[in-house]
Amino acid sequence: MTDQPKAVALISGGLDSMLAARVVQEQGVHVEGINFFTGFCVEGHTHAIRRQDQERPKRNNALWVAEQLGIPLHIVDVIEEYKEVLTNPRHGYGANLNPCLDCKIFMVGKALEWIEANGYDFIISGEVIGQRPKSQTRKHLPVVTRESGAEDRLLRPLSAKLLEPTRPEREGWVDRDQLYDFSGRSRKPQMALAKRLGIETWAQPAGGCCFLTDETYSAKLADLWEARGARNYDMDDIMLLKVGRHLRPRPHFKLIIAREEGETRFLEGYRKQFTHLRTVSHGGPIALLDGSASEQDLDLAARLVARYSSGRSADEVEVEAIERDGTSRSLRVAPLPPEAVPDDWYVGGQHGSK
């Protein structure tokens, strides 16, 4: 082969994909990045909402990694296609609602479509043997290779020496001796390699940002599906599950109550899509009511909102409830005392709701 070989690297925004791309890049291969946007990795946006996350970078980590590497990044929207992967994973879920193995197969398959459409030679992945129990084991790596259709056009530079040689190695596009034999869950080898390559900073956590690996988030998504009686969702659902306290006092409705000023501002943007409640007589959060509520339910919802207002110790708090059509009513209620709010009302548990 006389022309410069060309590869596309799966760029998640984490350290492993960054290192894998750089290792191949340093061997003279033309590397570009690709990132598949499922909707479940939007940490820069959520960091901008909450006060406790103000010191964290407000950025798209995949774009940031591509900038550090000096390569173009192709961001491909796969939100609709990914729904089938998430709601009906052939290989099941990991510890939470993360369909890790199916997700990797899907993304490598999409990368294969991309290289075939654009005349590129192979795919780079940052997978490390033994790092993720659901998708990155000796048993599972061949499944990804086979079911994605990529076969020997998929190169895993960080563990290549522990695997069979791939086409890029056999063809001499990359030198196998300059690849690595990383395995296990320790990230010390990757951090040492980053230092040798002059990479001083990377996204934290170094392993990625997928909401679906989070226990609390997954519990909220499972609750949403159960309440709807169907495994469906849209981009607004993805974001709202990440924001506020989620309480389900009755099977047919849930409250999303802002925890601080930033979340109040965010939830304000949804007030025309939901019945929403806010305290009038005292300072307090906005709350969205997702579902259908009777008069009795609305009274309970108002008492819950009052419980999280500055009037939580008052005998009575005035709460305004505003329907989606703009119709409003005033409710004067006694705030629910803490002992009257059972733990099982907190979707995902109290720890994730506070």
Protein backbone atom coordinates (compact mmCIF):
# COMPACT_ATOMS: atom_id res chain seq x y z
CA MET A 1 0.00 0.00 0.00
CA THR A 2 1.59 3.26 -1.13
CA ASP A 3 -1.02 5.74 0.09
CA GLN A 4 -1.13 6.82 3.71
CA PRO A 5 -3.48 4.46 5.60
CA LYS A 6 -6.61 6.07 7.04
CA ALA A 7 -8.50 5.13 10.19
CA VAL A 8 -11.45 6.39 12.16
CA ALA A 9 -11.22 6.29 15.96
CA LEU A 10 -14.21 5.83 18.24
CA ILE A 11 -13.93 8.88 20.51
CA SER A 12 -16.00 8.71 23.70
CA GLY A 13 -14.28 11.59 25.46
CA GLY A 14 -12.51 9.29 27.93
CA LEU A 15 -8.80 8.57 28.34
CA ASP A 16 -8.69 5.16 26.64
CA SER A 17 -10.09 6.32 23.30
CA MET A 18 -7.79 9.34 23.43
CA LEU A 19 -4.74 7.14 23.95
CA ALA A 20 -5.75 4.60 21.31
CA ALA A 21 -6.12 7.31 18.68
CA ARG A 22 -2.82 8.96 19.62
CA VAL A 23 -0.87 5.66 19.54
CA VAL A 24 -2.00 4.99 15.96
CA GLN A 25 -1.66 8.62 14.95
CA GLU A 26 2.01 8.54 16.01
CA GLN A 27 2.65 5.71 13.55
CA GLY A 28 1.86 7.96 10.60
CA VAL A 29 -1.73 6.86 10.04
CA HIS A 30 -4.25 9.54 9.08
CA VAL A 31 -6.75 9.43 11.97
CA GLU A 32 -10.13 11.10 12.29
CA GLY A 33 -12.57 10.72 15.16
CA ILE A 34 -16.18 9.64 15.27
CA ASN A 35 -18.64 10.05 18.14
CA PHE A 36 -22.15 8.61 18.17
CA PHE A 37 -24.61 10.81 20.05
CA THR A 38 -27.18 8.66 21.84
CA GLY A 39 -28.38 11.44 24.17
CA PHE A 40 -27.05 9.75 27.30
CA CYS A 41 -23.72 11.56 27.51
CA VAL A 42 -24.40 15.26 28.04
CA GLU A 43 -22.45 15.93 31.21
CA GLY A 44 -21.23 19.38 30.17
CA HIS A 45 -24.84 20.55 30.05
CA THR A 46 -25.85 19.13 33.41
CA HIS A 47 -22.67 20.46 35.04
CA ALA A 48 -23.80 23.93 34.05
CA ILE A 49 -27.10 23.56 35.92
CA ARG A 50 -26.13 22.67 39.49
CA ARG A 51 -24.09 24.79 41.88
CA GLN A 52 -22.19 21.73 43.16
CA ASP A 53 -20.87 21.10 39.62
CA GLN A 54 -19.79 24.67 38.88
CA GLU A 55 -16.08 23.82 39.03
CA ARG A 56 -16.39 20.96 36.55
CA PRO A 57 -15.64 21.65 32.84
CA LYS A 58 -18.65 22.71 30.75
CA ARG A 59 -17.62 21.02 27.55
CA ASN A 60 -18.29 18.20 25.13
CA ASN A 61 -15.43 15.88 26.08
CA ALA A 62 -15.34 14.12 22.71
CA LEU A 63 -14.83 17.47 20.94
CA TRP A 64 -12.23 18.43 23.53
CA VAL A 65 -10.30 15.17 22.98
CA ALA A 66 -10.36 15.66 19.21
CA GLU A 67 -9.00 19.17 19.69
CA GLN A 68 -6.14 17.85 21.87
CA LEU A 69 -5.31 15.26 19.21
CA GLY A 70 -5.60 17.75 16.38
CA ILE A 71 -8.07 15.61 14.43
CA PRO A 72 -11.52 16.24 12.94
CA LEU A 73 -14.45 14.76 14.85
CA HIS A 74 -17.57 13.49 13.11
CA ILE A 75 -20.55 13.61 15.49
CA VAL A 76 -23.32 11.31 14.30
CA ASP A 77 -26.83 11.56 15.79
CA VAL A 78 -28.06 8.01 16.49
CA ILE A 79 -30.74 8.86 19.07
CA GLU A 80 -33.55 7.12 17.19
CA GLU A 81 -31.51 4.08 16.10
CA TYR A 82 -30.14 3.64 19.61
CA LYS A 83 -33.60 3.23 21.13
CA GLU A 84 -33.79 -0.38 19.92
CA VAL A 85 -30.34 -1.09 21.43
CA LEU A 86 -31.39 0.28 24.82
CA THR A 87 -34.92 -1.07 25.02
CA ASN A 88 -34.24 -4.53 23.58
CA PRO A 89 -30.58 -5.47 24.09
CA ARG A 90 -29.82 -8.90 22.67
CA HIS A 91 -27.06 -9.47 25.24
CA GLY A 92 -28.89 -7.91 28.19
CA TYR A 93 -27.89 -5.15 30.60
CA GLY A 94 -24.91 -4.59 32.85
CA ALA A 95 -25.28 -3.69 36.54
CA ASN A 96 -27.89 -1.03 35.70
CA LEU A 97 -29.65 -0.20 32.42
CA ASN A 98 -26.41 -0.08 30.45
CA PRO A 99 -26.54 -2.39 27.39
CA CYS A 100 -22.73 -2.28 27.17
CA LEU A 101 -22.10 -5.20 24.82
CA ASP A 102 -24.95 -4.34 22.44
CA CYS A 103 -23.89 -0.69 22.57
CA LYS A 104 -20.31 -1.48 21.52
CA ILE A 105 -21.50 -3.80 18.74
CA PHE A 106 -23.82 -1.07 17.49
CA MET A 107 -21.18 1.66 17.52
CA VAL A 108 -18.48 -0.43 15.85
CA GLY A 109 -21.07 -1.44 13.24
CA LYS A 110 -21.91 2.22 12.59
CA ALA A 111 -18.19 3.03 12.36
CA LEU A 112 -17.83 0.22 9.80
CA GLU A 113 -20.59 1.80 7.71
CA TRP A 114 -18.72 5.10 7.94
CA ILE A 115 -15.32 3.80 6.80
CA GLU A 116 -16.89 1.91 3.91
CA ALA A 117 -18.78 5.02 2.80
CA ASN A 118 -15.72 7.26 3.11
CA GLY A 119 -12.92 5.03 1.84
CA TYR A 120 -11.10 4.53 5.15
CA ASP A 121 -9.15 1.40 6.00
CA PHE A 122 -9.84 0.45 9.60
CA ILE A 123 -11.43 1.34 12.96
CA ILE A 124 -9.63 2.19 16.22
CA SER A 125 -11.21 1.38 19.59
CA GLY A 126 -9.92 2.13 23.08
CA GLU A 127 -11.13 -1.17 24.57
CA VAL A 128 -8.89 -2.81 27.19
CA ILE A 129 -9.20 -6.49 28.06
CA GLY A 130 -10.78 -6.98 31.48
CA GLN A 131 -11.66 -3.36 32.11
CA ARG A 132 -15.43 -3.65 31.76
CA PRO A 133 -17.02 -6.93 32.88
CA LYS A 134 -19.96 -6.74 30.47
CA SER A 135 -18.20 -5.88 27.21
CA GLN A 136 -14.40 -5.87 27.51
CA THR A 137 -13.46 -9.43 28.40
CA ARG A 138 -11.63 -12.03 26.33
CA LYS A 139 -15.00 -13.71 25.87
CA HIS A 140 -16.82 -10.57 24.72
CA LEU A 141 -14.27 -8.80 22.50
CA PRO A 142 -14.65 -11.41 19.72
CA VAL A 143 -18.43 -10.99 19.95
CA VAL A 144 -18.05 -7.29 19.17
CA THR A 145 -15.64 -8.05 16.32
CA ARG A 146 -17.96 -10.65 14.79
CA GLU A 147 -21.45 -9.22 15.33
CA SER A 148 -20.48 -5.69 14.27
CA GLY A 149 -19.18 -7.05 10.97
CA ALA A 150 -15.85 -5.26 11.44
CA GLU A 151 -13.87 -8.51 11.79
CA ASP A 152 -10.13 -7.82 11.45
CA ARG A 153 -10.60 -4.18 10.50
CA LEU A 154 -11.08 -3.35 14.20
CA LEU A 155 -7.82 -2.49 15.98
CA ARG A 156 -7.58 -2.22 19.77
CA PRO A 157 -4.14 -0.61 20.21
CA LEU A 158 -4.09 -0.72 24.02
CA SER A 159 -4.53 -4.53 24.20
CA ALA A 160 -3.42 -5.52 20.69
CA LYS A 161 -0.45 -7.64 21.82
CA LEU A 162 -2.83 -9.89 23.77
CA LEU A 163 -5.06 -10.42 20.74
CA GLU A 164 -4.71 -11.98 17.30
CA PRO A 165 -3.05 -9.68 14.72
CA THR A 166 -5.54 -7.60 12.76
CA ARG A 167 -5.40 -6.51 9.14
CA PRO A 168 -3.74 -3.13 9.94
CA GLU A 169 -0.93 -5.06 11.66
CA ARG A 170 -0.57 -7.71 8.94
CA GLU A 171 -0.57 -5.12 6.17
CA GLY A 172 2.09 -3.08 7.96
CA TRP A 173 -0.11 -0.01 8.33
CA VAL A 174 0.79 -0.10 12.04
CA ASP A 175 3.73 -1.73 13.81
CA ARG A 176 2.46 -4.33 16.30
CA ASP A 177 5.64 -3.87 18.37
CA GLN A 178 4.55 -0.29 19.08
CA LEU A 179 1.15 -1.36 20.39
CA TYR A 180 0.36 -2.41 23.98
CA ASP A 181 -0.71 -5.31 26.19
CA PHE A 182 -2.85 -3.57 28.80
CA SER A 183 -5.36 -5.65 30.73
CA GLY A 184 -7.40 -5.42 33.92
CA ARG A 185 -9.23 -2.60 35.66
CA SER A 186 -6.26 -0.60 36.91
CA ARG A 187 -5.84 2.65 35.02
CA LYS A 188 -2.21 3.14 36.05
CA PRO A 189 -0.79 1.82 32.73
CA GLN A 190 -2.99 4.25 30.78
CA MET A 191 -1.98 7.16 32.99
CA ALA A 192 1.71 6.28 32.58
CA LEU A 193 1.27 6.07 28.80
CA ALA A 194 -0.52 9.43 28.78
CA LYS A 195 2.45 10.98 30.56
CA ARG A 196 4.88 9.46 28.04
CA LEU A 197 2.79 10.81 25.17
CA GLY A 198 2.68 14.30 26.70
CA ILE A 199 -1.01 14.13 27.61
CA GLU A 200 -1.41 15.98 30.89
CA THR A 201 -5.18 16.25 31.35
CA TRP A 202 -8.18 14.13 30.46
CA ALA A 203 -11.86 13.91 31.30
CA GLN A 204 -12.89 12.70 34.74
CA PRO A 205 -14.09 10.07 35.28
CA ALA A 206 -11.53 8.73 32.80
CA GLY A 207 -13.79 5.83 31.80
CA GLY A 208 -16.70 7.73 30.28
CA CYS A 209 -19.91 9.57 31.04
CA CYS A 210 -22.87 7.36 30.12
CA PHE A 211 -25.84 8.07 32.41
CA LEU A 212 -27.03 4.48 31.96
CA THR A 213 -24.23 3.17 34.17
CA ASP A 214 -25.56 5.27 37.07
CA GLU A 215 -27.77 3.34 39.51
CA THR A 216 -30.01 6.27 40.42
CA TYR A 217 -30.49 7.40 36.83
CA SER A 218 -31.30 3.86 35.69
CA ALA A 219 -33.89 3.52 38.49
CA LYS A 220 -35.57 6.71 37.28
CA LEU A 221 -35.63 5.46 33.69
CA ALA A 222 -37.07 2.10 34.76
CA ASP A 223 -39.74 3.96 36.77
CA LEU A 224 -40.60 6.08 33.72
CA TRP A 225 -41.06 2.99 31.57
CA GLU A 226 -43.19 1.25 34.19
CA ALA A 227 -45.44 4.29 34.60
CA ARG A 228 -45.92 4.60 30.83
CA GLY A 229 -46.41 0.89 30.28
CA ALA A 230 -43.94 1.09 27.39
CA ARG A 231 -40.19 1.38 26.88
CA ASN A 232 -40.11 4.70 25.10
CA TYR A 233 -38.40 8.02 25.72
CA ASP A 234 -37.35 11.23 24.03
CA MET A 235 -34.56 13.75 24.54
CA ASP A 236 -36.59 15.77 27.07
CA ASP A 237 -37.05 12.61 29.14
CA ILE A 238 -33.29 11.97 29.09
CA MET A 239 -32.55 15.43 30.46
CA LEU A 240 -35.39 15.62 32.98
CA LEU A 241 -34.33 12.31 34.55
CA LYS A 242 -31.01 13.97 35.39
CA VAL A 243 -32.50 17.03 37.08
CA GLY A 244 -34.36 17.53 40.38
CA ARG A 245 -35.88 15.29 43.04
CA HIS A 246 -38.18 12.70 41.51
CA LEU A 247 -41.00 11.61 43.83
CA ARG A 248 -43.81 9.26 42.89
CA PRO A 249 -46.45 9.47 45.65
CA ARG A 250 -49.01 7.71 43.44
CA PRO A 251 -48.55 5.27 40.53
CA HIS A 252 -50.23 7.65 38.08
CA PHE A 253 -48.17 10.77 38.70
CA LYS A 254 -44.69 11.91 39.61
CA LEU A 255 -43.27 15.22 40.78
CA ILE A 256 -39.94 16.63 39.62
CA ILE A 257 -38.94 19.20 42.26
CA ALA A 258 -36.00 21.55 41.72
CA ARG A 259 -33.24 21.27 44.34
CA GLU A 260 -31.64 24.67 43.77
CA GLU A 261 -31.82 27.86 41.72
CA GLY A 262 -30.08 26.42 38.65
CA GLU A 263 -32.52 23.53 38.46
CA THR A 264 -35.44 25.91 38.96
CA ARG A 265 -34.30 27.90 35.93
CA PHE A 266 -33.90 24.72 33.89
CA LEU A 267 -37.33 23.33 34.82
CA GLU A 268 -38.94 26.70 34.02
CA GLY A 269 -38.30 25.86 30.39
CA TYR A 270 -40.73 22.93 30.64
CA ARG A 271 -43.59 24.66 32.46
CA LYS A 272 -45.79 24.79 29.32
CA GLN A 273 -45.40 21.03 28.79
CA PHE A 274 -46.51 20.00 32.30
CA THR A 275 -48.84 21.05 35.04
CA HIS A 276 -46.44 22.87 37.35
CA LEU A 277 -46.58 24.10 40.94
CA ARG A 278 -44.78 26.86 42.80
CA THR A 279 -45.09 28.40 46.24
CA VAL A 280 -46.53 31.93 46.43
CA SER A 281 -46.44 32.82 50.13
CA HIS A 282 -42.89 31.57 50.68
CA GLY A 283 -39.75 31.12 48.63
CA GLY A 284 -39.53 27.70 47.08
CA PRO A 285 -38.82 25.54 44.05
CA ILE A 286 -40.77 24.92 40.89
CA ALA A 287 -42.17 21.41 40.49
CA LEU A 288 -43.37 19.65 37.35
CA LEU A 289 -46.23 17.16 37.61
CA ASP A 290 -45.77 14.28 35.17
CA GLY A 291 -48.95 12.25 34.76
CA SER A 292 -52.57 12.85 35.63
CA ALA A 293 -53.76 14.11 39.00
CA SER A 294 -57.18 14.38 40.64
CA GLU A 295 -58.07 17.22 43.00
CA GLN A 296 -56.95 15.06 45.91
CA ASP A 297 -53.68 14.25 44.12
CA LEU A 298 -53.08 17.92 43.41
CA ASP A 299 -53.52 18.75 47.08
CA LEU A 300 -50.95 16.08 47.97
CA ALA A 301 -48.56 17.44 45.32
CA ALA A 302 -48.94 20.96 46.72
CA ARG A 303 -48.17 19.72 50.25
CA LEU A 304 -45.01 18.04 48.93
CA VAL A 305 -43.87 21.20 47.16
CA ALA A 306 -44.55 23.20 50.33
CA ARG A 307 -42.44 20.70 52.28
CA TYR A 308 -39.41 21.76 50.17
CA SER A 309 -40.08 25.49 50.45
CA SER A 310 -38.92 28.00 53.05
CA GLY A 311 -42.39 27.59 54.58
CA ARG A 312 -41.83 23.94 55.50
CA SER A 313 -42.39 24.76 59.19
CA ALA A 314 -45.37 27.07 58.63
CA ASP A 315 -48.95 26.10 59.44
CA GLU A 316 -50.04 26.97 55.91
CA VAL A 317 -48.36 27.67 52.57
CA GLU A 318 -50.01 29.06 49.46
CA VAL A 319 -49.13 27.07 46.34
CA GLU A 320 -50.14 27.97 42.80
CA ALA A 321 -50.89 25.13 40.39
CA ILE A 322 -50.82 26.04 36.70
CA GLU A 323 -52.16 23.73 34.00
CA ARG A 324 -50.56 23.41 30.57
CA ASP A 325 -53.27 25.62 29.07
CA GLY A 326 -52.38 28.42 31.53
CA THR A 327 -55.34 27.87 33.86
CA SER A 328 -54.24 28.39 37.45
CA ARG A 329 -55.61 27.82 40.92
CA SER A 330 -54.43 28.68 44.40
CA LEU A 331 -54.10 25.99 47.06
CA ARG A 332 -53.58 26.70 50.76
CA VAL A 333 -52.01 23.62 52.30
CA ALA A 334 -50.12 22.40 55.35
CA PRO A 335 -46.62 21.22 54.34
CA LEU A 336 -46.07 17.49 54.68
CA PRO A 337 -43.73 16.74 57.60
CA PRO A 338 -40.62 14.70 56.70
CA GLU A 339 -41.93 11.58 58.45
CA ALA A 340 -44.99 11.65 56.18
CA VAL A 341 -42.85 11.22 53.04
CA PRO A 342 -41.99 7.50 52.74
CA ASP A 343 -38.61 6.51 51.36
CA ASP A 344 -40.22 4.59 48.51
CA TRP A 345 -41.69 7.82 47.11
CA TYR A 346 -38.16 8.90 46.14
CA VAL A 347 -37.50 7.42 42.72
CA GLY A 348 -33.96 6.08 42.76
CA GLY A 349 -33.73 6.42 46.53
CA GLN A 350 -33.34 9.45 48.78
CA HIS A 351 -29.60 9.66 48.24
CA GLY A 352 -30.10 10.32 44.54
CA SER A 353 -33.05 12.65 45.11
CA LYS A 354 -31.61 15.08 47.63
